[in-house]
């Protein structure tokens, strides 16, 4: 059975006006996607379908918490997700997404599946950096053992003065050739 069907919104037969659909998103939802950025979470999504004779729109209100991996220590981390957006639905010859805000559905369509949209909006709603918060003293709350291990493999770059003094031996050999020809 296709679990993505749980995220279908049927619009044929609905009266004009506002219609609300609620979705509980958990681990089973994230398993629907190959190589997910997020693998688990507890997210609530409210989708409002506004239907009129000329146009339909979907308003997404997404909030909750998802599990991720810390960028510093690679330990599990819970991140808050809050995202609000609006998508317009139009009808045309075939399915198309000309912009991020517009979806063109075929004339014979009678429902839209919002699973992919929900997943994308959850990912977009995450912060860019996934790191543990700092404590009251401003110290990272990352796994100290992992940070120590990473420090062992840290490569320090040479200072600007050291880089200026260093001449690649290949260039030095070319300089000698130029000097001999003078």
N, C-alpha and C. Protein backbone atom coordinates (compact mmCIF):
# COMPACT_ATOMS: atom_id res chain seq x y z
N UNK A 1 0.84 -1.19 0.00
CA UNK A 1 0.00 0.00 0.00
C UNK A 1 0.88 1.25 0.00
N UNK A 2 0.53 2.21 -0.82
CA UNK A 2 1.30 3.44 -0.93
C UNK A 2 0.91 4.39 0.20
N UNK A 3 1.83 4.59 1.14
CA UNK A 3 1.56 5.44 2.31
C UNK A 3 1.48 6.91 1.92
N UNK A 4 1.98 7.28 0.75
CA UNK A 4 1.88 8.67 0.31
C UNK A 4 0.42 9.06 0.05
N UNK A 5 -0.43 8.08 -0.19
CA UNK A 5 -1.84 8.37 -0.43
C UNK A 5 -2.51 9.00 0.79
N UNK A 6 -1.90 8.80 1.97
CA UNK A 6 -2.44 9.40 3.19
C UNK A 6 -2.35 10.93 3.15
N UNK A 7 -1.57 11.46 2.21
CA UNK A 7 -1.36 12.90 2.12
C UNK A 7 -2.03 13.50 0.88
N UNK A 8 -3.03 12.80 0.37
CA UNK A 8 -3.84 13.32 -0.74
C UNK A 8 -4.87 14.30 -0.21
N UNK A 9 -5.08 15.37 -0.96
CA UNK A 9 -6.14 16.32 -0.65
C UNK A 9 -7.09 16.33 -1.84
N UNK A 10 -8.28 15.72 -1.69
CA UNK A 10 -9.25 15.73 -2.79
C UNK A 10 -9.96 17.08 -2.84
N UNK A 11 -10.00 17.68 -4.02
CA UNK A 11 -10.66 18.98 -4.13
C UNK A 11 -11.88 18.95 -5.05
N UNK A 12 -12.02 17.90 -5.87
CA UNK A 12 -13.21 17.78 -6.72
C UNK A 12 -14.41 17.52 -5.81
N UNK A 13 -15.46 18.23 -6.01
CA UNK A 13 -16.68 18.04 -5.23
C UNK A 13 -16.75 18.92 -3.99
N UNK A 14 -15.64 19.58 -3.63
CA UNK A 14 -15.68 20.50 -2.49
C UNK A 14 -16.33 21.81 -2.90
N UNK A 15 -17.09 22.39 -1.99
CA UNK A 15 -17.69 23.68 -2.26
C UNK A 15 -16.62 24.76 -2.24
N UNK A 16 -16.92 25.88 -2.87
CA UNK A 16 -16.00 27.02 -2.81
C UNK A 16 -15.90 27.49 -1.39
N UNK A 17 -14.72 27.94 -1.01
CA UNK A 17 -14.48 28.42 0.35
C UNK A 17 -13.23 27.79 0.93
N UNK A 18 -13.12 27.84 2.25
CA UNK A 18 -11.93 27.38 2.96
C UNK A 18 -12.15 25.98 3.54
N UNK A 19 -11.19 25.08 3.31
CA UNK A 19 -11.26 23.71 3.82
C UNK A 19 -9.93 23.40 4.51
N UNK A 20 -10.01 22.79 5.70
CA UNK A 20 -8.80 22.53 6.49
C UNK A 20 -8.48 21.04 6.54
N UNK A 21 -7.18 20.72 6.38
CA UNK A 21 -6.69 19.35 6.46
C UNK A 21 -5.51 19.34 7.43
N UNK A 22 -5.51 18.38 8.35
CA UNK A 22 -4.45 18.28 9.36
C UNK A 22 -3.69 16.97 9.19
N UNK A 23 -2.38 17.06 9.33
CA UNK A 23 -1.51 15.90 9.18
C UNK A 23 -0.58 15.79 10.37
N UNK A 24 -0.44 14.58 10.90
CA UNK A 24 0.52 14.27 11.96
C UNK A 24 1.71 13.61 11.26
N UNK A 25 2.87 14.21 11.37
CA UNK A 25 4.05 13.73 10.66
C UNK A 25 5.03 13.14 11.67
N UNK A 26 5.41 11.87 11.42
CA UNK A 26 6.33 11.18 12.33
C UNK A 26 7.33 10.37 11.50
N UNK A 27 8.01 9.45 12.14
CA UNK A 27 9.05 8.67 11.49
C UNK A 27 8.54 7.95 10.23
N UNK A 28 7.33 7.43 10.26
CA UNK A 28 6.80 6.70 9.10
C UNK A 28 6.70 7.61 7.88
N UNK A 29 6.43 8.89 8.07
CA UNK A 29 6.37 9.84 6.97
C UNK A 29 7.75 10.01 6.33
N UNK A 30 8.78 10.19 7.16
CA UNK A 30 10.12 10.44 6.63
C UNK A 30 10.70 9.21 5.93
N UNK A 31 10.21 8.02 6.27
CA UNK A 31 10.68 6.80 5.61
C UNK A 31 10.15 6.70 4.17
N UNK A 32 9.20 7.54 3.81
CA UNK A 32 8.66 7.53 2.45
C UNK A 32 9.65 8.09 1.43
N UNK A 33 10.70 8.76 1.91
CA UNK A 33 11.62 9.46 1.02
C UNK A 33 12.99 8.78 1.04
N UNK A 34 13.60 8.67 -0.15
CA UNK A 34 14.94 8.09 -0.26
C UNK A 34 15.95 9.11 0.23
N UNK A 35 16.93 8.66 0.97
CA UNK A 35 18.00 9.49 1.51
C UNK A 35 17.47 10.78 2.14
N UNK A 36 16.63 10.65 3.16
CA UNK A 36 16.06 11.85 3.75
C UNK A 36 17.08 12.66 4.56
N UNK A 37 16.92 13.98 4.54
CA UNK A 37 17.73 14.85 5.40
C UNK A 37 17.29 14.71 6.85
N UNK A 38 16.02 14.41 7.02
CA UNK A 38 15.43 14.23 8.34
C UNK A 38 14.88 12.81 8.37
N UNK A 39 15.15 12.09 9.46
CA UNK A 39 14.69 10.70 9.53
C UNK A 39 13.62 10.47 10.59
N UNK A 40 13.43 11.42 11.48
CA UNK A 40 12.43 11.25 12.52
C UNK A 40 11.99 12.62 13.02
N UNK A 41 10.81 12.66 13.58
CA UNK A 41 10.33 13.91 14.13
C UNK A 41 8.88 13.80 14.56
N UNK A 42 8.42 14.87 15.15
CA UNK A 42 7.03 14.98 15.57
C UNK A 42 6.55 16.35 15.11
N UNK A 43 5.89 16.37 13.97
CA UNK A 43 5.50 17.62 13.32
C UNK A 43 4.01 17.60 13.03
N UNK A 44 3.38 18.74 13.22
CA UNK A 44 1.98 18.90 12.87
C UNK A 44 1.91 19.88 11.69
N UNK A 45 1.10 19.52 10.72
CA UNK A 45 0.93 20.38 9.55
C UNK A 45 -0.55 20.64 9.34
N UNK A 46 -0.88 21.91 9.25
CA UNK A 46 -2.25 22.31 8.93
C UNK A 46 -2.21 22.89 7.52
N UNK A 47 -3.02 22.31 6.64
CA UNK A 47 -3.08 22.76 5.26
C UNK A 47 -4.49 23.27 5.00
N UNK A 48 -4.59 24.53 4.60
CA UNK A 48 -5.89 25.11 4.29
C UNK A 48 -6.01 25.26 2.78
N UNK A 49 -7.06 24.67 2.24
CA UNK A 49 -7.34 24.77 0.82
C UNK A 49 -8.42 25.83 0.64
N UNK A 50 -8.09 26.86 -0.11
CA UNK A 50 -9.07 27.90 -0.43
C UNK A 50 -9.46 27.70 -1.89
N UNK A 51 -10.73 27.35 -2.09
CA UNK A 51 -11.20 27.04 -3.42
C UNK A 51 -12.12 28.14 -3.92
N UNK A 52 -11.85 28.60 -5.14
CA UNK A 52 -12.74 29.55 -5.81
C UNK A 52 -12.93 29.07 -7.23
N UNK A 53 -13.76 29.72 -7.98
CA UNK A 53 -14.05 29.26 -9.34
C UNK A 53 -12.85 29.40 -10.27
N UNK A 54 -11.99 30.36 -10.02
CA UNK A 54 -10.87 30.61 -10.92
C UNK A 54 -9.54 30.03 -10.43
N UNK A 55 -9.39 29.87 -9.12
CA UNK A 55 -8.08 29.54 -8.57
C UNK A 55 -8.23 28.81 -7.25
N UNK A 56 -7.24 28.02 -6.92
CA UNK A 56 -7.19 27.40 -5.59
C UNK A 56 -5.83 27.74 -4.98
N UNK A 57 -5.80 27.80 -3.65
CA UNK A 57 -4.52 28.02 -2.97
C UNK A 57 -4.44 27.11 -1.76
N UNK A 58 -3.20 26.75 -1.43
CA UNK A 58 -2.92 25.93 -0.26
C UNK A 58 -2.04 26.75 0.68
N UNK A 59 -2.48 26.89 1.92
CA UNK A 59 -1.69 27.56 2.94
C UNK A 59 -1.17 26.49 3.89
N UNK A 60 0.14 26.45 4.05
CA UNK A 60 0.79 25.46 4.90
C UNK A 60 1.27 26.12 6.19
N UNK A 61 0.86 25.56 7.34
CA UNK A 61 1.38 25.95 8.65
C UNK A 61 2.00 24.70 9.26
N UNK A 62 3.31 24.70 9.38
CA UNK A 62 4.03 23.53 9.84
C UNK A 62 4.79 23.88 11.11
N UNK A 63 4.62 23.07 12.16
CA UNK A 63 5.36 23.31 13.40
C UNK A 63 5.61 21.99 14.10
N UNK A 64 6.73 21.93 14.78
CA UNK A 64 7.07 20.73 15.52
C UNK A 64 8.55 20.63 15.75
N UNK A 65 9.01 19.39 15.89
CA UNK A 65 10.40 19.13 16.21
C UNK A 65 10.88 17.92 15.40
N UNK A 66 12.09 18.01 14.86
CA UNK A 66 12.66 16.90 14.11
C UNK A 66 14.03 16.54 14.67
N UNK A 67 14.42 15.29 14.46
CA UNK A 67 15.75 14.84 14.87
C UNK A 67 16.72 15.08 13.73
N UNK A 68 17.91 15.54 14.09
CA UNK A 68 18.95 15.76 13.10
C UNK A 68 20.28 15.37 13.74
N UNK A 69 21.35 15.69 13.04
CA UNK A 69 22.70 15.40 13.53
C UNK A 69 23.43 16.73 13.69
N UNK A 70 24.12 16.89 14.81
CA UNK A 70 24.87 18.11 15.09
C UNK A 70 26.03 18.24 14.09
N UNK A 71 26.20 19.43 13.53
CA UNK A 71 27.28 19.68 12.58
C UNK A 71 28.65 19.63 13.25
N UNK A 72 28.71 19.87 14.57
CA UNK A 72 30.01 19.87 15.27
C UNK A 72 30.41 18.49 15.75
N UNK A 73 29.53 17.83 16.50
CA UNK A 73 29.93 16.59 17.18
C UNK A 73 29.26 15.34 16.63
N UNK A 74 28.38 15.47 15.66
CA UNK A 74 27.69 14.36 15.01
C UNK A 74 26.75 13.60 15.96
N UNK A 75 26.40 14.20 17.07
CA UNK A 75 25.48 13.60 18.03
C UNK A 75 24.05 13.95 17.63
N UNK A 76 23.08 13.16 18.11
CA UNK A 76 21.67 13.44 17.81
C UNK A 76 21.27 14.79 18.39
N UNK A 77 20.36 15.44 17.70
CA UNK A 77 19.97 16.80 18.06
C UNK A 77 18.51 17.01 17.65
N UNK A 78 17.72 17.64 18.50
CA UNK A 78 16.34 17.99 18.16
C UNK A 78 16.28 19.45 17.74
N UNK A 79 15.65 19.70 16.61
CA UNK A 79 15.53 21.05 16.07
C UNK A 79 14.06 21.42 15.92
N UNK A 80 13.74 22.66 16.27
CA UNK A 80 12.37 23.15 16.10
C UNK A 80 12.16 23.52 14.64
N UNK A 81 10.95 23.25 14.16
CA UNK A 81 10.56 23.61 12.80
C UNK A 81 9.30 24.46 12.88
N UNK A 82 9.33 25.62 12.29
CA UNK A 82 8.16 26.47 12.15
C UNK A 82 8.22 27.07 10.75
N UNK A 83 7.21 26.78 9.95
CA UNK A 83 7.23 27.26 8.58
C UNK A 83 5.81 27.56 8.13
N UNK A 84 5.67 28.66 7.41
CA UNK A 84 4.37 29.08 6.89
C UNK A 84 4.59 29.51 5.44
N UNK A 85 3.76 29.00 4.53
CA UNK A 85 3.88 29.39 3.13
C UNK A 85 2.55 29.21 2.40
N UNK A 86 2.49 29.77 1.21
CA UNK A 86 1.29 29.75 0.39
C UNK A 86 1.66 29.25 -1.01
N UNK A 87 0.86 28.33 -1.55
CA UNK A 87 1.08 27.78 -2.89
C UNK A 87 -0.23 27.93 -3.67
N UNK A 88 -0.12 28.41 -4.89
CA UNK A 88 -1.29 28.58 -5.75
C UNK A 88 -1.41 27.39 -6.69
N UNK A 89 -2.64 26.92 -6.90
CA UNK A 89 -2.91 25.82 -7.82
C UNK A 89 -3.70 26.35 -9.01
N UNK A 90 -3.20 26.08 -10.20
CA UNK A 90 -3.88 26.46 -11.43
C UNK A 90 -4.08 25.19 -12.25
N UNK A 91 -4.91 25.29 -13.26
CA UNK A 91 -5.15 24.15 -14.13
C UNK A 91 -4.59 24.43 -15.52
N UNK A 92 -4.01 23.40 -16.14
CA UNK A 92 -3.42 23.52 -17.46
C UNK A 92 -3.44 22.18 -18.16
N UNK A 93 -2.66 22.06 -19.22
CA UNK A 93 -2.62 20.83 -20.01
C UNK A 93 -1.97 19.67 -19.26
N UNK A 94 -0.86 19.96 -18.56
CA UNK A 94 -0.14 18.91 -17.83
C UNK A 94 0.46 19.49 -16.55
N UNK A 95 0.89 18.57 -15.68
CA UNK A 95 1.48 18.98 -14.41
C UNK A 95 2.75 19.77 -14.65
N UNK A 96 2.90 20.87 -13.91
CA UNK A 96 4.09 21.71 -14.04
C UNK A 96 4.25 22.52 -12.77
N UNK A 97 5.48 22.89 -12.47
CA UNK A 97 5.78 23.78 -11.35
C UNK A 97 6.62 24.93 -11.89
N UNK A 98 6.00 25.94 -12.51
CA UNK A 98 6.77 27.02 -13.12
C UNK A 98 7.54 27.88 -12.11
N UNK A 99 7.03 27.99 -10.88
CA UNK A 99 7.73 28.71 -9.82
C UNK A 99 7.55 27.93 -8.52
N UNK A 100 8.20 28.40 -7.47
CA UNK A 100 8.05 27.75 -6.17
C UNK A 100 6.65 27.95 -5.60
N UNK A 101 5.96 28.99 -6.02
CA UNK A 101 4.65 29.32 -5.46
C UNK A 101 3.48 28.87 -6.31
N UNK A 102 3.73 28.35 -7.51
CA UNK A 102 2.63 27.98 -8.42
C UNK A 102 2.80 26.53 -8.86
N UNK A 103 1.71 25.78 -8.79
CA UNK A 103 1.67 24.42 -9.32
C UNK A 103 0.53 24.37 -10.33
N UNK A 104 0.84 23.86 -11.52
CA UNK A 104 -0.18 23.69 -12.56
C UNK A 104 -0.59 22.22 -12.55
N UNK A 105 -1.87 21.97 -12.38
CA UNK A 105 -2.43 20.62 -12.37
C UNK A 105 -3.15 20.36 -13.69
N UNK A 106 -3.16 19.11 -14.15
CA UNK A 106 -3.92 18.80 -15.36
C UNK A 106 -5.42 19.04 -15.12
N UNK A 107 -6.16 19.38 -16.17
CA UNK A 107 -7.59 19.68 -16.05
C UNK A 107 -8.37 18.52 -15.44
N UNK A 108 -7.95 17.28 -15.70
CA UNK A 108 -8.69 16.11 -15.20
C UNK A 108 -8.34 15.74 -13.76
N UNK A 109 -7.41 16.45 -13.13
CA UNK A 109 -7.01 16.14 -11.74
C UNK A 109 -8.17 16.39 -10.79
N UNK A 110 -8.27 15.54 -9.78
CA UNK A 110 -9.33 15.68 -8.78
C UNK A 110 -8.77 15.73 -7.37
N UNK A 111 -7.43 15.58 -7.23
CA UNK A 111 -6.79 15.66 -5.92
C UNK A 111 -5.33 16.04 -6.11
N UNK A 112 -4.70 16.45 -5.02
CA UNK A 112 -3.27 16.75 -5.05
C UNK A 112 -2.63 16.07 -3.85
N UNK A 113 -1.47 15.47 -4.08
CA UNK A 113 -0.73 14.83 -3.01
C UNK A 113 0.29 15.85 -2.49
N UNK A 114 0.24 16.13 -1.19
CA UNK A 114 1.10 17.16 -0.60
C UNK A 114 2.29 16.58 0.17
N UNK A 115 2.54 15.28 0.08
CA UNK A 115 3.63 14.65 0.84
C UNK A 115 4.98 15.29 0.49
N UNK A 116 5.29 15.40 -0.79
CA UNK A 116 6.58 15.97 -1.19
C UNK A 116 6.68 17.43 -0.76
N UNK A 117 5.59 18.18 -0.90
CA UNK A 117 5.59 19.58 -0.47
C UNK A 117 5.85 19.69 1.03
N UNK A 118 5.17 18.87 1.83
CA UNK A 118 5.37 18.89 3.27
C UNK A 118 6.82 18.60 3.63
N UNK A 119 7.39 17.58 2.99
CA UNK A 119 8.77 17.22 3.27
C UNK A 119 9.71 18.38 2.92
N UNK A 120 9.53 18.97 1.76
CA UNK A 120 10.39 20.08 1.34
C UNK A 120 10.25 21.28 2.27
N UNK A 121 9.03 21.59 2.69
CA UNK A 121 8.82 22.74 3.58
C UNK A 121 9.41 22.48 4.96
N UNK A 122 9.38 21.24 5.43
CA UNK A 122 10.01 20.91 6.71
C UNK A 122 11.52 21.14 6.60
N UNK A 123 12.12 20.67 5.51
CA UNK A 123 13.56 20.85 5.32
C UNK A 123 13.94 22.32 5.19
N UNK A 124 13.13 23.08 4.48
CA UNK A 124 13.41 24.51 4.31
C UNK A 124 13.23 25.25 5.64
N UNK A 125 12.35 24.77 6.49
CA UNK A 125 12.10 25.41 7.77
C UNK A 125 13.17 25.17 8.81
N UNK A 126 14.12 24.29 8.54
CA UNK A 126 15.20 24.01 9.50
C UNK A 126 16.25 25.12 9.45
N UNK A 127 16.93 25.36 10.57
CA UNK A 127 18.03 26.33 10.53
C UNK A 127 19.17 25.83 9.65
N UNK A 128 19.97 26.74 9.15
CA UNK A 128 21.07 26.36 8.26
C UNK A 128 22.11 25.53 9.02
N UNK A 129 22.46 25.98 10.22
CA UNK A 129 23.44 25.26 11.03
C UNK A 129 22.71 24.42 12.05
N UNK A 130 23.07 23.16 12.12
CA UNK A 130 22.49 22.24 13.09
C UNK A 130 23.52 22.02 14.19
N UNK A 131 23.43 22.79 15.28
CA UNK A 131 24.38 22.67 16.38
C UNK A 131 23.63 22.69 17.70
N UNK A 132 24.25 22.04 18.71
CA UNK A 132 23.69 22.07 20.05
C UNK A 132 23.72 23.51 20.56
N UNK A 133 22.75 23.89 21.37
CA UNK A 133 22.76 25.25 21.90
C UNK A 133 23.88 25.44 22.92
N UNK A 134 24.24 26.68 23.16
CA UNK A 134 25.26 26.99 24.16
C UNK A 134 24.62 27.00 25.54
N UNK A 135 25.42 26.71 26.57
CA UNK A 135 24.91 26.78 27.94
C UNK A 135 24.94 28.24 28.41
N UNK A 136 24.62 28.47 29.69
CA UNK A 136 24.54 29.83 30.24
C UNK A 136 25.88 30.56 30.15
N UNK A 137 27.00 29.81 30.18
CA UNK A 137 28.33 30.41 30.15
C UNK A 137 28.84 30.62 28.73
N UNK A 138 28.07 30.25 27.74
CA UNK A 138 28.48 30.41 26.35
C UNK A 138 29.30 29.26 25.82
N UNK A 139 29.33 28.14 26.53
CA UNK A 139 30.08 26.97 26.09
C UNK A 139 29.18 26.04 25.27
N UNK A 140 29.77 25.38 24.29
CA UNK A 140 29.00 24.42 23.49
C UNK A 140 28.58 23.24 24.36
N UNK A 141 27.40 22.73 24.10
CA UNK A 141 26.91 21.57 24.84
C UNK A 141 27.06 20.29 24.00
N UNK A 142 27.98 20.34 23.04
CA UNK A 142 28.26 19.17 22.21
C UNK A 142 28.95 18.09 23.03
N UNK A 143 29.00 16.90 22.46
CA UNK A 143 29.67 15.76 23.08
C UNK A 143 31.17 16.06 23.21
N UNK A 144 31.69 16.25 24.45
CA UNK A 144 33.09 16.63 24.61
C UNK A 144 34.07 15.57 24.09
N UNK A 145 33.73 14.29 24.23
CA UNK A 145 34.62 13.23 23.75
C UNK A 145 34.79 13.33 22.23
N UNK A 146 33.71 13.57 21.52
CA UNK A 146 33.78 13.67 20.07
C UNK A 146 34.56 14.92 19.66
N UNK A 147 34.36 16.04 20.36
CA UNK A 147 35.09 17.26 20.03
C UNK A 147 36.59 17.06 20.23
N UNK A 148 36.98 16.33 21.29
CA UNK A 148 38.40 16.04 21.52
C UNK A 148 38.96 15.18 20.39
N UNK A 149 38.20 14.20 19.95
CA UNK A 149 38.66 13.34 18.85
C UNK A 149 38.83 14.15 17.56
N UNK A 150 37.88 15.06 17.29
CA UNK A 150 37.98 15.88 16.09
C UNK A 150 39.18 16.82 16.16
N UNK A 151 39.49 17.33 17.36
CA UNK A 151 40.65 18.21 17.52
C UNK A 151 41.95 17.49 17.19
N UNK A 152 42.01 16.17 17.43
CA UNK A 152 43.20 15.40 17.12
C UNK A 152 43.51 15.44 15.61
N UNK A 153 42.47 15.53 14.80
CA UNK A 153 42.65 15.50 13.36
C UNK A 153 42.59 16.88 12.72
N UNK A 154 42.57 17.91 13.53
CA UNK A 154 42.50 19.28 13.04
C UNK A 154 43.80 19.66 12.35
N UNK A 155 43.70 20.18 11.16
CA UNK A 155 44.88 20.63 10.41
C UNK A 155 44.93 22.14 10.53
N UNK A 156 46.06 22.63 11.05
CA UNK A 156 46.20 24.07 11.19
C UNK A 156 46.83 24.63 9.93
N UNK A 157 46.29 25.75 9.48
CA UNK A 157 46.82 26.38 8.29
C UNK A 157 47.98 27.29 8.66
N UNK A 158 48.89 27.47 7.73
CA UNK A 158 50.04 28.34 7.96
C UNK A 158 49.59 29.79 8.00
N UNK A 159 50.32 30.61 8.75
CA UNK A 159 49.98 32.03 8.83
C UNK A 159 50.28 32.69 7.49
N UNK A 160 49.82 33.92 7.31
CA UNK A 160 50.03 34.65 6.06
C UNK A 160 51.52 34.85 5.79
N UNK A 161 52.31 35.16 6.85
CA UNK A 161 53.75 35.38 6.67
C UNK A 161 54.43 34.10 6.21
N UNK A 162 54.05 32.97 6.81
CA UNK A 162 54.64 31.70 6.41
C UNK A 162 54.30 31.36 4.97
N UNK A 163 53.06 31.68 4.57
CA UNK A 163 52.65 31.40 3.20
C UNK A 163 53.39 32.29 2.21
N UNK A 164 53.66 33.55 2.60
CA UNK A 164 54.40 34.46 1.72
C UNK A 164 55.85 34.02 1.54
N UNK A 165 56.47 33.48 2.60
CA UNK A 165 57.86 33.04 2.54
C UNK A 165 58.03 31.76 1.75
N UNK A 166 57.01 30.96 1.70
CA UNK A 166 57.10 29.67 1.03
C UNK A 166 57.01 29.85 -0.48
N UNK A 167 57.97 29.26 -1.20
CA UNK A 167 57.95 29.29 -2.65
C UNK A 167 57.93 27.85 -3.13
N UNK A 168 56.99 27.54 -3.97
CA UNK A 168 56.87 26.20 -4.53
C UNK A 168 58.17 25.86 -5.26
N UNK A 169 58.77 24.70 -4.97
CA UNK A 169 60.04 24.33 -5.61
C UNK A 169 59.98 24.34 -7.13
N UNK A 170 58.84 24.08 -7.70
CA UNK A 170 58.72 24.10 -9.17
C UNK A 170 58.94 25.51 -9.71
N UNK A 171 58.39 26.52 -8.99
CA UNK A 171 58.58 27.90 -9.42
C UNK A 171 60.03 28.33 -9.23
N UNK A 172 60.64 27.83 -8.15
CA UNK A 172 62.05 28.16 -7.89
C UNK A 172 62.92 27.65 -9.03
N UNK A 173 62.66 26.44 -9.53
CA UNK A 173 63.42 25.89 -10.65
C UNK A 173 63.21 26.73 -11.91
N UNK A 174 62.01 27.21 -12.14
CA UNK A 174 61.76 28.06 -13.30
C UNK A 174 62.49 29.39 -13.18
N UNK A 175 62.57 29.94 -11.97
CA UNK A 175 63.30 31.19 -11.76
C UNK A 175 64.77 31.01 -12.11
N UNK A 176 65.32 29.87 -11.74
CA UNK A 176 66.73 29.60 -12.06
C UNK A 176 66.94 29.56 -13.56
N UNK A 177 66.01 28.98 -14.31
CA UNK A 177 66.12 28.96 -15.77
C UNK A 177 66.08 30.36 -16.34
N UNK A 178 65.22 31.21 -15.83
CA UNK A 178 65.11 32.59 -16.32
C UNK A 178 66.42 33.33 -16.02
N UNK A 179 66.97 33.15 -14.84
CA UNK A 179 68.20 33.83 -14.45
C UNK A 179 69.40 33.39 -15.30
N UNK A 180 69.45 32.12 -15.71
CA UNK A 180 70.55 31.61 -16.54
C UNK A 180 70.51 32.21 -17.94
N UNK A 181 69.30 32.52 -18.43
CA UNK A 181 69.17 33.03 -19.79
C UNK A 181 69.51 34.51 -19.89
N UNK A 182 69.72 35.19 -18.78
CA UNK A 182 70.03 36.64 -18.81
C UNK A 182 71.46 36.91 -19.10
